[in-house]
C-alpha atoms as a PDB file:
ATOM      1  CA  MET A   1       7.274 280.689  59.344  1.00  0.00           C
ATOM      2  CA  TYR A   2       7.159 284.442  58.806  1.00  0.00           C
ATOM      3  CA  ARG A   3       4.685 285.582  56.166  1.00  0.00           C
ATOM      4  CA  PRO A   4       5.505 288.914  54.452  1.00  0.00           C
ATOM      5  CA  ILE A   5       3.308 291.839  55.504  1.00  0.00           C
ATOM      6  CA  ASP A   6       2.944 295.091  53.577  1.00  0.00           C
ATOM      7  CA  PRO A   7       2.759 298.003  56.069  1.00  0.00           C
ATOM      8  CA  LYS A   8       0.845 300.109  53.517  1.00  0.00           C
ATOM      9  CA  VAL A   9      -2.251 297.894  53.702  1.00  0.00           C
ATOM     10  CA  ASP A  10      -4.930 299.749  55.648  1.00  0.00           C
ATOM     11  CA  CYS A  11      -5.386 297.401  58.621  1.00  0.00           C
ATOM     12  CA  VAL A  12      -1.618 297.200  59.138  1.00  0.00           C
ATOM     13  CA  PHE A  13      -1.010 300.910  58.634  1.00  0.00           C
ATOM     14  CA  LYS A  14      -3.711 301.903  61.098  1.00  0.00           C
ATOM     15  CA  THR A  15      -2.484 299.366  63.629  1.00  0.00           C
ATOM     16  CA  LEU A  16       0.997 300.878  63.344  1.00  0.00           C
ATOM     17  CA  PHE A  17      -0.021 304.539  63.633  1.00  0.00           C
ATOM     18  CA  GLY A  18      -3.694 304.672  64.617  1.00  0.00           C
ATOM     19  CA  THR A  19      -3.815 302.887  67.962  1.00  0.00           C
ATOM     20  CA  GLU A  20      -2.989 304.153  71.442  1.00  0.00           C
ATOM     21  CA  ASP A  21      -0.919 301.011  72.083  1.00  0.00           C
ATOM     22  CA  HIS A  22       1.533 302.114  69.399  1.00  0.00           C
ATOM     23  CA  SER A  23       1.342 305.896  69.840  1.00  0.00           C
ATOM     24  CA  GLU A  24       5.137 306.105  70.181  1.00  0.00           C
ATOM     25  CA  LEU A  25       5.373 304.956  66.543  1.00  0.00           C
ATOM     26  CA  LEU A  26       3.174 307.833  65.421  1.00  0.00           C
ATOM     27  CA  ILE A  27       5.155 310.312  67.550  1.00  0.00           C
ATOM     28  CA  ASP A  28       8.461 309.185  66.050  1.00  0.00           C
ATOM     29  CA  PHE A  29       6.951 309.165  62.558  1.00  0.00           C
ATOM     30  CA  LEU A  30       5.637 312.747  62.881  1.00  0.00           C
ATOM     31  CA  ASN A  31       8.924 314.065  64.256  1.00  0.00           C
ATOM     32  CA  ALA A  32      10.842 312.294  61.481  1.00  0.00           C
ATOM     33  CA  LEU A  33       8.756 313.654  58.612  1.00  0.00           C
ATOM     34  CA  LEU A  34       7.942 317.104  60.065  1.00  0.00           C
ATOM     35  CA  GLY A  35      10.805 317.785  62.443  1.00  0.00           C
ATOM     36  CA  ASP A  36      12.473 320.350  60.203  1.00  0.00           C
ATOM     37  CA  GLU A  37       9.483 322.708  60.456  1.00  0.00           C
ATOM     38  CA  LEU A  38       8.015 322.008  63.901  1.00  0.00           C
ATOM     39  CA  PRO A  39       8.902 324.731  66.455  1.00  0.00           C
ATOM     40  CA  ALA A  40       8.880 322.010  69.098  1.00  0.00           C
ATOM     41  CA  PRO A  41       8.919 318.224  68.677  1.00  0.00           C
ATOM     42  CA  VAL A  42       5.838 316.103  69.218  1.00  0.00           C
ATOM     43  CA  THR A  43       6.011 314.523  72.666  1.00  0.00           C
ATOM     44  CA  ALA A  44       2.518 313.067  73.112  1.00  0.00           C
ATOM     45  CA  VAL A  45      -0.502 312.505  70.872  1.00  0.00           C
ATOM     46  CA  GLU A  46      -4.192 311.954  71.241  1.00  0.00           C
ATOM     47  CA  ILE A  47      -5.460 309.856  68.338  1.00  0.00           C
ATOM     48  CA  LEU A  48      -8.737 311.390  67.193  1.00  0.00           C
ATOM     49  CA  ASN A  49      -9.912 308.468  65.046  1.00  0.00           C
ATOM     50  CA  PRO A  50      -8.476 305.364  66.732  1.00  0.00           C
ATOM     51  CA  TYR A  51      -8.470 302.172  64.705  1.00  0.00           C
ATOM     52  CA  ASN A  52     -11.129 299.596  65.448  1.00  0.00           C
ATOM     53  CA  GLU A  53     -10.364 296.055  64.323  1.00  0.00           C
ATOM     54  CA  ARG A  54     -14.075 295.433  63.807  1.00  0.00           C
ATOM     55  CA  GLU A  55     -14.228 298.013  60.993  1.00  0.00           C
ATOM     56  CA  SER A  56     -16.089 296.562  58.032  1.00  0.00           C
ATOM     57  CA  LEU A  57     -14.175 294.968  55.207  1.00  0.00           C
ATOM     58  CA  ASP A  58     -16.262 297.192  52.957  1.00  0.00           C
ATOM     59  CA  ASP A  59     -14.549 300.361  54.277  1.00  0.00           C
ATOM     60  CA  LYS A  60     -12.419 302.419  51.909  1.00  0.00           C
ATOM     61  CA  LEU A  61      -9.190 300.626  51.138  1.00  0.00           C
ATOM     62  CA  THR A  62      -7.250 303.111  49.079  1.00  0.00           C
ATOM     63  CA  ILE A  63      -7.408 306.084  51.472  1.00  0.00           C
ATOM     64  CA  VAL A  64      -6.299 305.346  55.014  1.00  0.00           C
ATOM     65  CA  ASP A  65      -5.931 308.231  57.457  1.00  0.00           C
ATOM     66  CA  VAL A  66      -4.875 308.795  61.034  1.00  0.00           C
ATOM     67  CA  LYS A  67      -5.826 312.033  62.804  1.00  0.00           C
ATOM     68  CA  ALA A  68      -4.126 313.182  65.997  1.00  0.00           C
ATOM     69  CA  ARG A  69      -3.614 316.174  68.304  1.00  0.00           C
ATOM     70  CA  ASP A  70      -0.415 316.707  70.280  1.00  0.00           C
ATOM     71  CA  ALA A  71       0.284 318.377  73.631  1.00  0.00           C
ATOM     72  CA  GLU A  72       0.680 321.750  71.854  1.00  0.00           C
ATOM     73  CA  ARG A  73      -2.857 321.312  70.419  1.00  0.00           C
ATOM     74  CA  ARG A  74      -1.436 321.064  66.896  1.00  0.00           C
ATOM     75  CA  LEU A  75      -3.390 318.869  64.502  1.00  0.00           C
ATOM     76  CA  PHE A  76      -1.903 316.095  62.374  1.00  0.00           C
ATOM     77  CA  GLN A  77      -3.336 313.909  59.663  1.00  0.00           C
ATOM     78  CA  VAL A  78      -1.431 311.062  58.040  1.00  0.00           C
ATOM     79  CA  GLU A  79      -2.976 309.535  54.936  1.00  0.00           C
ATOM     80  CA  ILE A  80      -1.753 306.748  52.716  1.00  0.00           C
ATOM     81  CA  GLN A  81      -3.103 306.641  49.176  1.00  0.00           C
ATOM     82  CA  LEU A  82      -2.487 303.420  47.279  1.00  0.00           C
ATOM     83  CA  LEU A  83      -4.153 304.470  44.021  1.00  0.00           C
ATOM     84  CA  VAL A  84      -3.752 307.855  42.346  1.00  0.00           C
ATOM     85  CA  PHE A  85      -6.782 309.380  40.621  1.00  0.00           C
ATOM     86  CA  PRO A  86      -7.184 312.643  38.637  1.00  0.00           C
ATOM     87  CA  GLU A  87      -8.816 314.641  41.468  1.00  0.00           C
ATOM     88  CA  LEU A  88      -6.265 313.651  44.123  1.00  0.00           C
ATOM     89  CA  GLY A  89      -4.665 317.118  44.272  1.00  0.00           C
ATOM     90  CA  THR A  90      -8.053 318.631  45.087  1.00  0.00           C
ATOM     91  CA  ARG A  91      -8.682 315.893  47.652  1.00  0.00           C
ATOM     92  CA  ILE A  92      -5.345 316.614  49.369  1.00  0.00           C
ATOM     93  CA  LEU A  93      -6.098 320.332  49.695  1.00  0.00           C
ATOM     94  CA  TYR A  94      -9.651 319.658  50.891  1.00  0.00           C
ATOM     95  CA  ALA A  95      -8.425 317.262  53.589  1.00  0.00           C
ATOM     96  CA  TRP A  96      -6.116 319.927  55.041  1.00  0.00           C
ATOM     97  CA  ALA A  97      -8.779 322.658  54.833  1.00  0.00           C
ATOM     98  CA  ASP A  98     -11.418 320.409  56.382  1.00  0.00           C
ATOM     99  CA  LEU A  99      -9.216 319.417  59.326  1.00  0.00           C
ATOM    100  CA  TYR A 100      -8.139 323.041  59.871  1.00  0.00           C
ATOM    101  CA  SER A 101     -11.683 324.425  59.766  1.00  0.00           C
ATOM    102  CA  GLN A 102     -13.115 321.764  62.107  1.00  0.00           C
ATOM    103  CA  GLN A 103     -11.167 323.264  64.998  1.00  0.00           C
ATOM    104  CA  LEU A 104     -13.642 326.120  65.497  1.00  0.00           C
ATOM    105  CA  GLN A 105     -16.926 325.510  67.231  1.00  0.00           C
ATOM    106  CA  SER A 106     -19.818 327.962  67.274  1.00  0.00           C
ATOM    107  CA  GLY A 107     -18.820 331.202  69.004  1.00  0.00           C
ATOM    108  CA  GLN A 108     -15.061 330.510  69.076  1.00  0.00           C
ATOM    109  CA  ASP A 109     -12.517 333.100  67.859  1.00  0.00           C
ATOM    110  CA  TYR A 110      -9.950 332.621  65.118  1.00  0.00           C
ATOM    111  CA  SER A 111      -7.288 332.790  67.818  1.00  0.00           C
ATOM    112  CA  GLU A 112      -8.308 329.246  68.722  1.00  0.00           C
ATOM    113  CA  LEU A 113      -6.992 327.918  65.429  1.00  0.00           C
ATOM    114  CA  GLN A 114      -3.791 325.895  65.694  1.00  0.00           C
ATOM    115  CA  PRO A 115      -1.235 324.789  63.056  1.00  0.00           C
ATOM    116  CA  THR A 116      -2.424 321.821  61.015  1.00  0.00           C
ATOM    117  CA  TYR A 117      -0.132 319.375  59.218  1.00  0.00           C
ATOM    118  CA  THR A 118      -1.139 316.704  56.735  1.00  0.00           C
ATOM    119  CA  ILE A 119       1.182 314.011  55.440  1.00  0.00           C
ATOM    120  CA  TRP A 120       0.263 312.101  52.292  1.00  0.00           C
ATOM    121  CA  LEU A 121       2.070 308.890  51.405  1.00  0.00           C
ATOM    122  CA  LEU A 122       1.429 307.902  47.795  1.00  0.00           C
ATOM    123  CA  ASP A 123       2.097 304.418  46.452  1.00  0.00           C
ATOM    124  CA  GLN A 124       1.811 305.701  42.887  1.00  0.00           C
ATOM    125  CA  THR A 125       3.148 308.796  41.122  1.00  0.00           C
ATOM    126  CA  LEU A 126       1.157 312.030  41.286  1.00  0.00           C
ATOM    127  CA  PHE A 127       3.641 314.582  39.905  1.00  0.00           C
ATOM    128  CA  THR A 128       4.856 312.854  36.762  1.00  0.00           C
ATOM    129  CA  ALA A 129       6.845 315.882  35.570  1.00  0.00           C
ATOM    130  CA  ARG A 130       8.830 316.222  38.831  1.00  0.00           C
ATOM    131  CA  ALA A 131      11.815 314.093  39.791  1.00  0.00           C
ATOM    132  CA  GLU A 132      11.620 314.724  43.558  1.00  0.00           C
ATOM    133  CA  TYR A 133       9.771 312.278  45.793  1.00  0.00           C
ATOM    134  CA  ALA A 134       9.187 314.749  48.657  1.00  0.00           C
ATOM    135  CA  HIS A 135       7.047 317.890  48.345  1.00  0.00           C
ATOM    136  CA  ARG A 136       6.065 320.580  50.880  1.00  0.00           C
ATOM    137  CA  PHE A 137       3.187 322.990  50.250  1.00  0.00           C
ATOM    138  CA  THR A 138       2.420 326.106  52.302  1.00  0.00           C
ATOM    139  CA  LEU A 139       0.550 329.390  51.865  1.00  0.00           C
ATOM    140  CA  ARG A 140       2.954 331.687  49.978  1.00  0.00           C
ATOM    141  CA  ASP A 141       2.691 334.638  47.600  1.00  0.00           C
ATOM    142  CA  GLU A 142       4.494 334.986  44.268  1.00  0.00           C
ATOM    143  CA  LEU A 143       7.662 336.190  46.073  1.00  0.00           C
ATOM    144  CA  GLY A 144       7.665 333.289  48.514  1.00  0.00           C
ATOM    145  CA  ARG A 145       6.430 335.318  51.479  1.00  0.00           C
ATOM    146  CA  GLY A 146       4.154 333.464  53.882  1.00  0.00           C
ATOM    147  CA  LEU A 147       0.590 334.472  54.685  1.00  0.00           C
ATOM    148  CA  ILE A 148       0.575 332.651  58.031  1.00  0.00           C
ATOM    149  CA  GLU A 149       2.678 329.836  59.476  1.00  0.00           C
ATOM    150  CA  HIS A 150      -0.148 327.482  60.327  1.00  0.00           C
ATOM    151  CA  GLY A 151       1.076 324.173  59.075  1.00  0.00           C
ATOM    152  CA  SER A 152       1.738 322.559  55.732  1.00  0.00           C
ATOM    153  CA  ILE A 153       0.871 319.755  53.359  1.00  0.00           C
ATOM    154  CA  ARG A 154       3.576 317.137  52.847  1.00  0.00           C
ATOM    155  CA  VAL A 155       3.419 314.683  49.950  1.00  0.00           C
ATOM    156  CA  PHE A 156       5.797 311.729  49.671  1.00  0.00           C
ATOM    157  CA  GLU A 157       5.721 309.652  46.482  1.00  0.00           C
ATOM    158  CA  LEU A 158       6.942 306.212  47.476  1.00  0.00           C
ATOM    159  CA  SER A 159       6.990 305.224  43.810  1.00  0.00           C
ATOM    160  CA  LYS A 160       9.967 307.603  43.341  1.00  0.00           C
ATOM    161  CA  PHE A 161      11.730 306.808  46.606  1.00  0.00           C
ATOM    162  CA  ALA A 162      14.880 304.839  45.749  1.00  0.00           C
ATOM    163  CA  VAL A 163      17.270 305.470  48.660  1.00  0.00           C
ATOM    164  CA  GLU A 164      19.568 302.513  49.318  1.00  0.00           C
ATOM    165  CA  ARG A 165      21.735 303.871  52.157  1.00  0.00           C
ATOM    166  CA  VAL A 166      19.474 305.316  54.854  1.00  0.00           C
ATOM    167  CA  LYS A 167      20.870 308.488  56.443  1.00  0.00           C
ATOM    168  CA  THR A 168      17.887 310.212  58.061  1.00  0.00           C
ATOM    169  CA  ASP A 169      14.878 309.223  60.127  1.00  0.00           C
ATOM    170  CA  THR A 170      12.624 310.382  57.271  1.00  0.00           C
ATOM    171  CA  GLU A 171      14.352 307.969  54.888  1.00  0.00           C
ATOM    172  CA  ARG A 172      14.134 305.225  57.510  1.00  0.00           C
ATOM    173  CA  TRP A 173      10.350 305.442  57.777  1.00  0.00           C
ATOM    174  CA  LEU A 174       9.797 305.814  54.034  1.00  0.00           C
ATOM    175  CA  LYS A 175      12.002 302.815  53.291  1.00  0.00           C
ATOM    176  CA  PHE A 176      10.148 300.794  55.931  1.00  0.00           C
ATOM    177  CA  LEU A 177       6.807 301.639  54.300  1.00  0.00           C
ATOM    178  CA  LYS A 178       8.063 300.901  50.794  1.00  0.00           C
ATOM    179  CA  ASP A 179      10.191 297.816  51.497  1.00  0.00           C
ATOM    180  CA  GLY A 180       8.563 296.503  54.688  1.00  0.00           C
ATOM    181  CA  GLU A 181       6.948 293.602  52.883  1.00  0.00           C
ATOM    182  CA  ARG A 182      10.416 292.289  51.952  1.00  0.00           C
ATOM    183  CA  LEU A 183      11.876 292.488  55.465  1.00  0.00           C
ATOM    184  CA  ALA A 184      12.499 289.366  57.526  1.00  0.00           C
ATOM    185  CA  PRO A 185      12.398 289.813  61.332  1.00  0.00           C
ATOM    186  CA  ASN A 186      15.474 287.616  61.861  1.00  0.00           C
ATOM    187  CA  HIS A 187      17.589 289.322  59.180  1.00  0.00           C
ATOM    188  CA  LEU A 188      16.877 293.012  59.557  1.00  0.00           C
ATOM    189  CA  PRO A 189      19.173 295.482  57.771  1.00  0.00           C
ATOM    190  CA  GLU A 190      21.232 297.893  59.849  1.00  0.00           C
ATOM    191  CA  TRP A 191      18.838 300.793  59.344  1.00  0.00           C
ATOM    192  CA  MET A 192      16.112 298.774  61.141  1.00  0.00           C
ATOM    193  CA  HIS A 193      18.136 298.160  64.327  1.00  0.00           C
ATOM    194  CA  SER A 194      16.774 301.103  66.357  1.00  0.00           C
ATOM    195  CA  PRO A 195      14.256 300.273  69.123  1.00  0.00           C
ATOM    196  CA  ILE A 196      11.449 302.196  67.413  1.00  0.00           C
ATOM    197  CA  MET A 197      11.921 300.368  64.090  1.00  0.00           C
ATOM    198  CA  ARG A 198      12.093 297.013  65.877  1.00  0.00           C
ATOM    199  CA  HIS A 199       8.786 297.957  67.497  1.00  0.00           C
ATOM    200  CA  ALA A 200       7.335 298.651  64.041  1.00  0.00           C
ATOM    201  CA  MET A 201       8.686 295.327  62.753  1.00  0.00           C
ATOM    202  CA  SER A 202       7.183 293.445  65.708  1.00  0.00           C
ATOM    203  CA  THR A 203       3.782 294.820  64.680  1.00  0.00           C
ATOM    204  CA  LEU A 204       4.219 293.342  61.201  1.00  0.00           C
ATOM    205  CA  ASN A 205       5.353 290.101  62.802  1.00  0.00           C
ATOM    206  CA  ALA A 206       2.139 289.968  64.860  1.00  0.00           C
ATOM    207  CA  PHE A 207       0.075 290.130  61.684  1.00  0.00           C
ATOM    208  CA  SER A 208       2.129 287.295  60.251  1.00  0.00           C
ATOM    209  CA  GLU A 209       1.854 285.028  63.301  1.00  0.00           C
ATOM    210  CA  LYS A 210      -1.774 285.503  64.334  1.00  0.00           C
ATOM    211  CA  GLU A 211      -4.092 283.631  62.000  1.00  0.00           C
ATOM    212  CA  ARG A 212      -7.037 285.978  62.589  1.00  0.00           C
ATOM    213  CA  ASP A 213      -4.918 289.049  61.861  1.00  0.00           C
ATOM    214  CA  TYR A 214      -3.291 287.420  58.852  1.00  0.00           C
ATOM    215  CA  HIS A 215      -6.690 286.375  57.483  1.00  0.00           C
ATOM    216  CA  ARG A 216      -7.877 289.972  57.881  1.00  0.00           C
ATOM    217  CA  TYR A 217      -4.716 291.166  56.131  1.00  0.00           C
ATOM    218  CA  GLN A 218      -5.211 288.722  53.243  1.00  0.00           C
ATOM    219  CA  SER A 219      -8.839 289.806  52.840  1.00  0.00           C
ATOM    220  CA  ARG A 220      -7.763 293.415  52.541  1.00  0.00           C
ATOM    221  CA  GLN A 221      -4.992 292.469  50.114  1.00  0.00           C
ATOM    222  CA  GLU A 222      -7.470 290.636  47.900  1.00  0.00           C
ATOM    223  CA  ALA A 223      -9.849 293.589  47.988  1.00  0.00           C
ATOM    224  CA  LEU A 224      -6.951 295.871  47.018  1.00  0.00           C
ATOM    225  CA  ARG A 225      -6.081 293.604  44.087  1.00  0.00           C
ATOM    226  CA  GLN A 226      -9.669 293.866  42.904  1.00  0.00           C
ATOM    227  CA  GLN A 227      -9.613 297.653  43.236  1.00  0.00           C
ATOM    228  CA  ARG A 228      -6.348 297.841  41.302  1.00  0.00           C
ATOM    229  CA  ALA A 229      -7.868 295.651  38.589  1.00  0.00           C
ATOM    230  CA  ILE A 230     -10.902 297.948  38.463  1.00  0.00           C
ATOM    231  CA  GLN A 231      -8.621 300.985  38.293  1.00  0.00           C
ATOM    232  CA  ARG A 232      -6.652 299.457  35.412  1.00  0.00           C
ATOM    233  CA  ALA A 233      -9.902 298.641  33.598  1.00  0.00           C
ATOM    234  CA  LEU A 234     -11.154 302.194  34.125  1.00  0.00           C
ATOM    235  CA  GLU A 235      -7.839 303.646  32.967  1.00  0.00           C
ATOM    236  CA  GLU A 236      -7.924 301.425  29.878  1.00  0.00           C
ATOM    237  CA  ALA A 237     -11.528 302.473  29.214  1.00  0.00           C
ATOM    238  CA  ARG A 238     -10.590 306.150  29.634  1.00  0.00           C
ATOM    239  CA  GLU A 239      -7.590 305.661  27.362  1.00  0.00           C
ATOM    240  CA  ASN A 240      -9.711 303.888  24.744  1.00  0.00           C
ATOM    241  CA  THR A 241     -12.325 306.649  24.949  1.00  0.00           C
ATOM    242  CA  ARG A 242      -9.592 309.273  24.649  1.00  0.00           C
ATOM    243  CA  ALA A 243      -8.084 307.440  21.673  1.00  0.00           C
ATOM    244  CA  ALA A 244     -11.509 307.135  20.013  1.00  0.00           C
ATOM    245  CA  MET A 245     -12.165 310.842  20.563  1.00  0.00           C
ATOM    246  CA  GLN A 246      -8.738 311.689  19.135  1.00  0.00           C
ATOM    247  CA  ALA A 247      -9.399 309.443  16.133  1.00  0.00           C
ATOM    248  CA  THR A 248     -12.799 311.092  15.596  1.00  0.00           C
ATOM    249  CA  GLU A 249     -11.222 314.522  15.858  1.00  0.00           C
ATOM    250  CA  ALA A 250      -8.448 313.497  13.452  1.00  0.00           C
ATOM    251  CA  GLU A 251     -11.056 312.192  11.026  1.00  0.00           C
ATOM    252  CA  ARG A 252     -13.036 315.435  11.360  1.00  0.00           C
ATOM    253  CA  ARG A 253      -9.917 317.484  10.680  1.00  0.00           C
ATOM    254  CA  ALA A 254      -8.991 315.288   7.709  1.00  0.00           C
ATOM    255  CA  THR A 255     -12.517 315.722   6.316  1.00  0.00           C
ATOM    256  CA  GLU A 256     -12.258 319.470   6.811  1.00  0.00           C
ATOM    257  CA  VAL A 257      -8.849 319.557   5.106  1.00  0.00           C
ATOM    258  CA  GLU A 258     -10.277 317.528   2.219  1.00  0.00           C
ATOM    259  CA  ARG A 259     -13.264 319.911   1.986  1.00  0.00           C
ATOM    260  CA  GLN A 260     -10.950 322.921   1.977  1.00  0.00           C
ATOM    261  CA  ALA A 261      -8.751 321.290  -0.680  1.00  0.00           C
ATOM    262  CA  LYS A 262     -11.792 320.651  -2.847  1.00  0.00           C
ATOM    263  CA  GLU A 263     -12.945 324.223  -2.311  1.00  0.00           C
ATOM    264  CA  VAL A 264      -9.497 325.500  -3.323  1.00  0.00           C
ATOM    265  CA  GLU A 265      -9.615 323.240  -6.384  1.00  0.00           C
ATOM    266  CA  ARG A 266     -13.127 324.519  -7.248  1.00  0.00           C
ATOM    267  CA  GLN A 267     -12.000 328.119  -6.876  1.00  0.00           C
ATOM    268  CA  ALA A 268      -8.940 327.412  -9.045  1.00  0.00           C
ATOM    269  CA  LYS A 269     -11.149 325.914 -11.763  1.00  0.00           C
ATOM    270  CA  GLU A 270     -13.541 328.839 -11.505  1.00  0.00           C
ATOM    271  CA  ALA A 271     -10.612 331.252 -11.798  1.00  0.00           C
ATOM    272  CA  GLU A 272      -9.380 329.298 -14.830  1.00  0.00           C
ATOM    273  CA  ARG A 273     -12.866 329.424 -16.370  1.00  0.00           C
ATOM    274  CA  GLN A 274     -13.098 333.160 -15.747  1.00  0.00           C
ATOM    275  CA  ALA A 275      -9.620 333.638 -17.248  1.00  0.00           C
ATOM    276  CA  LYS A 276     -10.644 331.711 -20.365  1.00  0.00           C
ATOM    277  CA  GLU A 277     -13.868 333.700 -20.570  1.00  0.00           C
ATOM    278  CA  ALA A 278     -11.904 336.942 -20.239  1.00  0.00           C
ATOM    279  CA  GLU A 279      -9.554 335.715 -22.964  1.00  0.00           C
ATOM    280  CA  ARG A 280     -12.538 334.833 -25.175  1.00  0.00           C
ATOM    281  CA  GLN A 281     -14.099 338.246 -24.575  1.00  0.00           C
ATOM    282  CA  ALA A 282     -10.770 339.937 -25.331  1.00  0.00           C
ATOM    283  CA  LYS A 283     -10.504 338.012 -28.605  1.00  0.00           C
ATOM    284  CA  GLU A 284     -14.111 338.880 -29.433  1.00  0.00           C
ATOM    285  CA  ALA A 285     -13.422 342.546 -28.686  1.00  0.00           C
ATOM    286  CA  GLU A 286     -10.341 342.341 -30.915  1.00  0.00           C
ATOM    287  CA  ARG A 287     -12.405 340.702 -33.663  1.00  0.00           C
ATOM    288  CA  GLN A 288     -15.084 343.369 -33.347  1.00  0.00           C
ATOM    289  CA  ALA A 289     -12.446 346.089 -33.414  1.00  0.00           C
ATOM    290  CA  LYS A 290     -10.934 344.604 -36.592  1.00  0.00           C
ATOM    291  CA  GLU A 291     -14.402 344.276 -38.105  1.00  0.00           C
ATOM    292  CA  ALA A 292     -15.130 347.904 -37.260  1.00  0.00           C
ATOM    293  CA  GLU A 293     -11.806 348.889 -38.792  1.00  0.00           C
ATOM    294  CA  ARG A 294     -12.603 346.838 -41.920  1.00  0.00           C
ATOM    295  CA  GLN A 295     -16.022 348.403 -42.201  1.00  0.00           C
ATOM    296  CA  ALA A 296     -14.531 351.853 -41.719  1.00  0.00           C
ATOM    297  CA  LYS A 297     -12.028 351.180 -44.521  1.00  0.00           C
ATOM    298  CA  GLU A 298     -14.802 349.749 -46.655  1.00  0.00           C
ATOM    299  CA  ALA A 299     -16.909 352.846 -46.020  1.00  0.00           C
ATOM    300  CA  GLU A 300     -13.920 355.041 -46.881  1.00  0.00           C
ATOM    301  CA  ARG A 301     -13.305 353.076 -50.082  1.00  0.00           C
ATOM    302  CA  GLN A 302     -16.955 353.268 -50.995  1.00  0.00           C
ATOM    303  CA  ALA A 303     -16.962 356.989 -50.273  1.00  0.00           C
ATOM    304  CA  LYS A 304     -13.948 357.438 -52.560  1.00  0.00           C
ATOM    305  CA  GLU A 305     -15.578 355.401 -55.306  1.00  0.00           C
ATOM    306  CA  ASP A 306     -18.777 357.409 -54.945  1.00  0.00           C
ATOM    307  CA  ALA A 307     -16.789 360.638 -55.070  1.00  0.00           C
ATOM    308  CA  LEU A 308     -14.919 359.488 -58.190  1.00  0.00           C
ATOM    309  CA  ALA A 309     -18.183 358.410 -59.807  1.00  0.00           C
ATOM    310  CA  GLU A 310     -19.704 361.827 -59.054  1.00  0.00           C
ATOM    311  CA  VAL A 311     -16.652 363.559 -60.521  1.00  0.00           C
ATOM    312  CA  ALA A 312     -16.929 361.404 -63.640  1.00  0.00           C
ATOM    313  CA  ARG A 313     -20.648 362.224 -63.953  1.00  0.00           C
ATOM    314  CA  LEU A 314     -20.010 365.911 -63.595  1.00  0.00           C
ATOM    315  CA  LYS A 315     -17.228 365.741 -66.211  1.00  0.00           C
ATOM    316  CA  ALA A 316     -19.605 363.945 -68.547  1.00  0.00           C
ATOM    317  CA  LEU A 317     -22.224 366.651 -68.110  1.00  0.00           C
ATOM    318  CA  LEU A 318     -19.663 369.374 -68.810  1.00  0.00           C
ATOM    319  CA  SER A 319     -18.513 367.556 -71.892  1.00  0.00           C
ATOM    320  CA  GLN A 320     -22.113 367.331 -73.207  1.00  0.00           C
ATOM    321  CA  ARG A 321     -22.761 371.038 -72.547  1.00  0.00           C
ATOM    322  CA  ASP A 322     -19.587 372.033 -74.369  1.00  0.00           C
ATOM    323  CA  ALA A 323     -20.571 369.864 -77.331  1.00  0.00           C
ATOM    324  CA  HIS A 324     -23.792 371.887 -77.821  1.00  0.00           C
END
């Protein structure tokens, strides 16, 4: 009985593309995914990090890479990334730069440098704001002019790949990687009928039939499940931390708004108090002005009375003098 095999699992992926016995798979894969920009097709490859079945089960599971050099001395790196993490973009650029820079040994000239191509196959979404599943990155200025044609970085997001009717070799390989676990060797769809794809399917079939290989596959699958569970837990923890920080910030802002509202209220009350005080002072000034006016009138009245009294006194004196 055939047991489904996911070609994205590291031991399967590296058996497909990282062994000399299956080098024709890697050659076809590279020509399919890079053929539109290669000046000449890949005809032969030397695998620089061949897969060893005795690799420890503790090796990295989520990043699986195959490095190769072809007859034109061009360098190729194929990596499959099952889990996406925040620094992946930096990791992708570093991988290309590292492979490119490793070409030069001490004393060698820059003329020794050859084009370098990296292909990243992502099982999860990296560019959430972009609808396309295929991306090509090169060295370009703001007008799209190239600095040097020395390779590229290709990123394929399998999570966005939804082609049903295969039309190109690129689509054929991507669909195989995404849907390979659901393929049955005795009922292959039409797009799997080419000799190279039957070769790829026979490799999956070998993992299914050989108990030792299938046990190794299951062990890696279980380890991947654990890593995915850890990733989900970390993402939940990060999300909870982010939510707590947002809640704290919201609380801080609410407290600040409340403080500002109270300060505005205090200032309004102070302005009201000052207005009342100004009104009181104005009334007091008015009262004092009226009092001053009253006193002035009183002084004027008194002055008139005094003047009249003096006139009466003088008249009385005149009358007495006339009488004598």
